[in-house]
Amino acid sequence: FPVTIEKSVYGPLVMGEVSHKAILAPSQLAKEMSYFILGMILSLSFFFSVVFAHTLSKNLEKLKVFAHRIAQGDFDIEATKEIKSKDEIGILAEAFDEMTTGLKERDKIKNIFTKFHGSVITDTLMDQEDIRKGKSCEAVVFFSDIRGFTDFSNHKSPEEVVAMLNAYFEVMVGIINKHGGYRDWE
């Protein structure tokens, strides 16, 4: 760039001429670097957001599958073996495991009750909050067998057998209903 030297009352004076482009070059470089860094930050942010979203949705999809399996009666699910995260999804997986443990125990109790008392009585008992909590209650279980029924039914017509059973059940059902009981004919 051209330089001129002139004399003044104060001494020599040096004057130079610099192009506008040369003066603005450092600020232009800073501007371009800022855009580059901003672009990198945005790109990395987008990349990590996609990875995080994929991980989150993958674990939520697993929990959805587990929920469907549990709804179908599969209580052998161990969600924490499949989902290892330490965030809210991991906490939800732990809750799934606690839920399946409780449902498995409830199902076992229900199967035992059903085996001995029939499904109507079992469903009634399982719906009562006090019994699920382990509180005791009074109950009467009545089993009935008609003496000589096999011999009777072998020597009578089907119509006579059905008529006798209907008469018996009419009396029994009246007594059971009168006392607020449940009947389970198995």
Protein backbone atom coordinates (compact mmCIF):
# COMPACT_ATOMS: atom_id res chain seq x y z
CA PHE A 1 0.00 0.00 0.00
CA PRO A 2 1.32 3.47 -0.83
CA VAL A 3 2.87 5.55 1.95
CA THR A 4 3.51 9.30 1.87
CA ILE A 5 5.76 11.30 4.19
CA GLU A 6 5.14 15.01 4.64
CA LYS A 7 6.54 17.67 6.90
CA SER A 8 4.35 19.47 9.33
CA VAL A 9 4.84 21.94 12.16
CA TYR A 10 4.89 19.08 14.53
CA GLY A 11 7.45 17.13 12.66
CA PRO A 12 7.28 14.52 9.92
CA LEU A 13 3.84 13.14 9.17
CA VAL A 14 3.43 9.67 7.72
CA MET A 15 0.28 8.92 5.83
CA GLY A 16 -0.69 5.59 4.36
CA GLU A 17 -3.51 4.34 2.32
CA VAL A 18 -5.12 0.96 3.12
CA SER A 19 -8.00 -0.54 1.23
CA HIS A 20 -11.35 -0.97 2.87
CA LYS A 21 -11.16 -4.70 2.18
CA ALA A 22 -7.88 -5.08 4.06
CA ILE A 23 -9.27 -3.29 7.11
CA LEU A 24 -12.40 -5.46 7.20
CA ALA A 25 -10.59 -8.78 6.50
CA PRO A 26 -10.09 -9.75 10.21
CA SER A 27 -13.73 -9.04 11.05
CA GLN A 28 -14.84 -10.99 7.94
CA LEU A 29 -12.71 -13.94 9.06
CA ALA A 30 -14.22 -13.76 12.57
CA LYS A 31 -17.70 -13.67 11.05
CA GLU A 32 -17.02 -16.74 8.88
CA MET A 33 -15.53 -18.65 11.84
CA SER A 34 -18.59 -17.77 13.92
CA TYR A 35 -20.89 -19.18 11.23
CA PHE A 36 -18.77 -22.34 10.99
CA ILE A 37 -18.79 -22.88 14.77
CA LEU A 38 -22.53 -22.21 14.95
CA GLY A 39 -23.12 -24.71 12.14
CA MET A 40 -21.04 -27.35 13.95
CA ILE A 41 -22.88 -26.76 17.23
CA LEU A 42 -26.28 -27.01 15.52
CA SER A 43 -25.24 -30.15 13.62
CA LEU A 44 -23.96 -31.86 16.77
CA SER A 45 -27.07 -30.81 18.70
CA PHE A 46 -29.30 -32.26 15.99
CA PHE A 47 -27.26 -35.49 15.90
CA PHE A 48 -27.40 -36.01 19.67
CA SER A 49 -31.11 -35.14 19.73
CA VAL A 50 -31.82 -37.80 17.11
CA VAL A 51 -29.74 -40.39 18.99
CA PHE A 52 -31.45 -39.54 22.29
CA ALA A 53 -34.92 -39.61 20.71
CA HIS A 54 -34.18 -42.99 19.10
CA THR A 55 -32.99 -44.46 22.40
CA LEU A 56 -36.00 -43.07 24.24
CA SER A 57 -38.52 -44.27 21.66
CA LYS A 58 -36.87 -47.72 21.48
CA ASN A 59 -37.27 -48.19 25.24
CA LEU A 60 -40.83 -46.85 25.19
CA GLU A 61 -41.64 -49.30 22.39
CA LYS A 62 -40.26 -52.15 24.56
CA LEU A 63 -42.45 -51.04 27.45
CA LYS A 64 -45.46 -50.99 25.12
CA VAL A 65 -44.74 -54.58 24.06
CA PHE A 66 -44.32 -55.57 27.73
CA ALA A 67 -47.68 -53.99 28.57
CA HIS A 68 -49.41 -56.01 25.83
CA ARG A 69 -47.76 -59.23 27.06
CA ILE A 70 -48.82 -58.49 30.64
CA ALA A 71 -52.39 -57.82 29.45
CA GLN A 72 -52.37 -61.30 27.89
CA GLY A 73 -51.32 -62.85 31.21
CA ASP A 74 -47.55 -63.16 30.71
CA PHE A 75 -46.19 -62.18 34.12
CA ASP A 76 -42.66 -63.52 33.54
CA ILE A 77 -41.42 -60.22 32.12
CA GLU A 78 -38.29 -58.63 33.57
CA ALA A 79 -38.23 -55.15 32.07
CA THR A 80 -35.07 -54.06 33.90
CA LYS A 81 -33.09 -56.77 32.09
CA GLU A 82 -34.06 -55.22 28.76
CA ILE A 83 -34.01 -51.54 29.76
CA LYS A 84 -30.82 -50.48 31.50
CA SER A 85 -31.24 -46.70 31.52
CA LYS A 86 -31.00 -44.72 34.76
CA ASP A 87 -33.55 -42.07 33.76
CA GLU A 88 -37.33 -41.96 34.07
CA ILE A 89 -37.68 -44.84 31.60
CA GLY A 90 -35.49 -47.00 33.86
CA ILE A 91 -37.69 -46.07 36.82
CA LEU A 92 -40.74 -47.03 34.76
CA ALA A 93 -39.12 -50.39 33.92
CA GLU A 94 -38.60 -51.02 37.65
CA ALA A 95 -42.28 -50.21 38.23
CA PHE A 96 -43.20 -52.72 35.49
CA ASP A 97 -41.22 -55.41 37.32
CA GLU A 98 -42.93 -54.59 40.64
CA MET A 99 -46.31 -54.70 38.91
CA THR A 100 -45.68 -58.06 37.25
CA THR A 101 -44.48 -59.53 40.56
CA GLY A 102 -47.71 -58.41 42.24
CA LEU A 103 -49.85 -59.65 39.36
CA LYS A 104 -48.06 -63.01 39.36
CA GLU A 105 -48.74 -63.43 43.09
CA ARG A 106 -52.37 -62.39 42.68
CA ASP A 107 -52.78 -64.81 39.76
CA LYS A 108 -51.30 -67.66 41.81
CA ILE A 109 -53.71 -66.96 44.69
CA LYS A 110 -56.62 -66.71 42.28
CA ASN A 111 -55.74 -70.06 40.68
CA ILE A 112 -55.58 -71.75 44.10
CA PHE A 113 -58.93 -70.27 45.13
CA THR A 114 -60.52 -71.21 41.82
CA LYS A 115 -59.32 -74.79 42.14
CA PHE A 116 -61.11 -75.24 45.46
CA HIS A 117 -63.96 -72.73 45.44
CA GLY A 118 -64.91 -72.02 41.82
CA SER A 119 -64.51 -68.91 39.74
CA VAL A 120 -67.57 -66.96 40.97
CA ILE A 121 -66.49 -67.13 44.60
CA THR A 122 -62.85 -66.46 43.70
CA ASP A 123 -63.73 -63.36 41.67
CA THR A 124 -65.93 -62.10 44.50
CA LEU A 125 -63.20 -62.63 47.09
CA MET A 126 -60.46 -61.10 44.92
CA ASP A 127 -62.58 -57.96 44.43
CA GLN A 128 -62.78 -57.32 48.18
CA GLU A 129 -60.08 -54.92 49.39
CA ASP A 130 -59.94 -56.34 52.94
CA ILE A 131 -59.22 -59.86 51.75
CA ARG A 132 -56.51 -58.75 49.29
CA LYS A 133 -54.76 -57.02 52.19
CA GLY A 134 -54.75 -60.27 54.17
CA LYS A 135 -57.51 -59.51 56.68
CA SER A 136 -59.54 -62.43 57.90
CA CYS A 137 -63.28 -62.78 57.45
CA GLU A 138 -65.96 -65.28 58.29
CA ALA A 139 -67.03 -67.57 55.48
CA VAL A 140 -69.02 -70.73 55.16
CA VAL A 141 -68.23 -73.13 52.37
CA PHE A 142 -70.91 -75.72 51.77
CA PHE A 143 -70.30 -78.78 49.65
CA SER A 144 -73.29 -80.89 48.81
CA ASP A 145 -73.56 -84.44 47.56
CA ILE A 146 -76.85 -86.25 47.08
CA ARG A 147 -76.71 -89.66 48.72
CA GLY A 148 -77.45 -92.50 46.30
CA PHE A 149 -77.59 -90.18 43.31
CA THR A 150 -75.66 -92.50 40.99
CA ASP A 151 -78.00 -95.45 41.73
CA PHE A 152 -81.04 -93.15 41.49
CA SER A 153 -79.98 -91.75 38.10
CA ASN A 154 -79.26 -95.27 36.77
CA HIS A 155 -82.82 -96.43 37.48
CA LYS A 156 -84.79 -93.33 36.54
CA SER A 157 -85.53 -91.62 33.24
CA PRO A 158 -83.61 -88.43 32.34
CA GLU A 159 -86.80 -86.44 32.87
CA GLU A 160 -87.18 -87.78 36.42
CA VAL A 161 -83.52 -87.10 37.24
CA VAL A 162 -83.75 -83.50 35.97
CA ALA A 163 -87.05 -82.96 37.85
CA MET A 164 -85.49 -84.20 41.11
CA LEU A 165 -82.35 -82.01 40.61
CA ASN A 166 -84.47 -78.95 39.82
CA ALA A 167 -86.49 -79.49 43.00
CA TYR A 168 -83.29 -79.89 45.03
CA PHE A 169 -81.64 -76.80 43.48
CA GLU A 170 -84.78 -74.72 43.99
CA VAL A 171 -84.65 -75.37 47.73
CA MET A 172 -80.85 -74.92 47.97
CA VAL A 173 -80.73 -71.74 45.86
CA GLY A 174 -83.53 -70.23 47.98
CA ILE A 175 -81.57 -70.86 51.17
CA ILE A 176 -78.27 -69.59 49.69
CA ASN A 177 -79.89 -66.43 48.31
CA LYS A 178 -81.75 -65.78 51.56
CA HIS A 179 -78.44 -65.63 53.41
CA GLY A 180 -76.57 -63.55 50.80
CA GLY A 181 -74.45 -66.43 49.60
CA TYR A 182 -72.89 -67.31 46.27
CA ARG A 183 -73.34 -70.56 44.42
CA ASP A 184 -70.93 -72.19 42.05
CA TRP A 185 -72.18 -75.33 40.35
CA GLU A 186 -69.19 -77.27 39.14
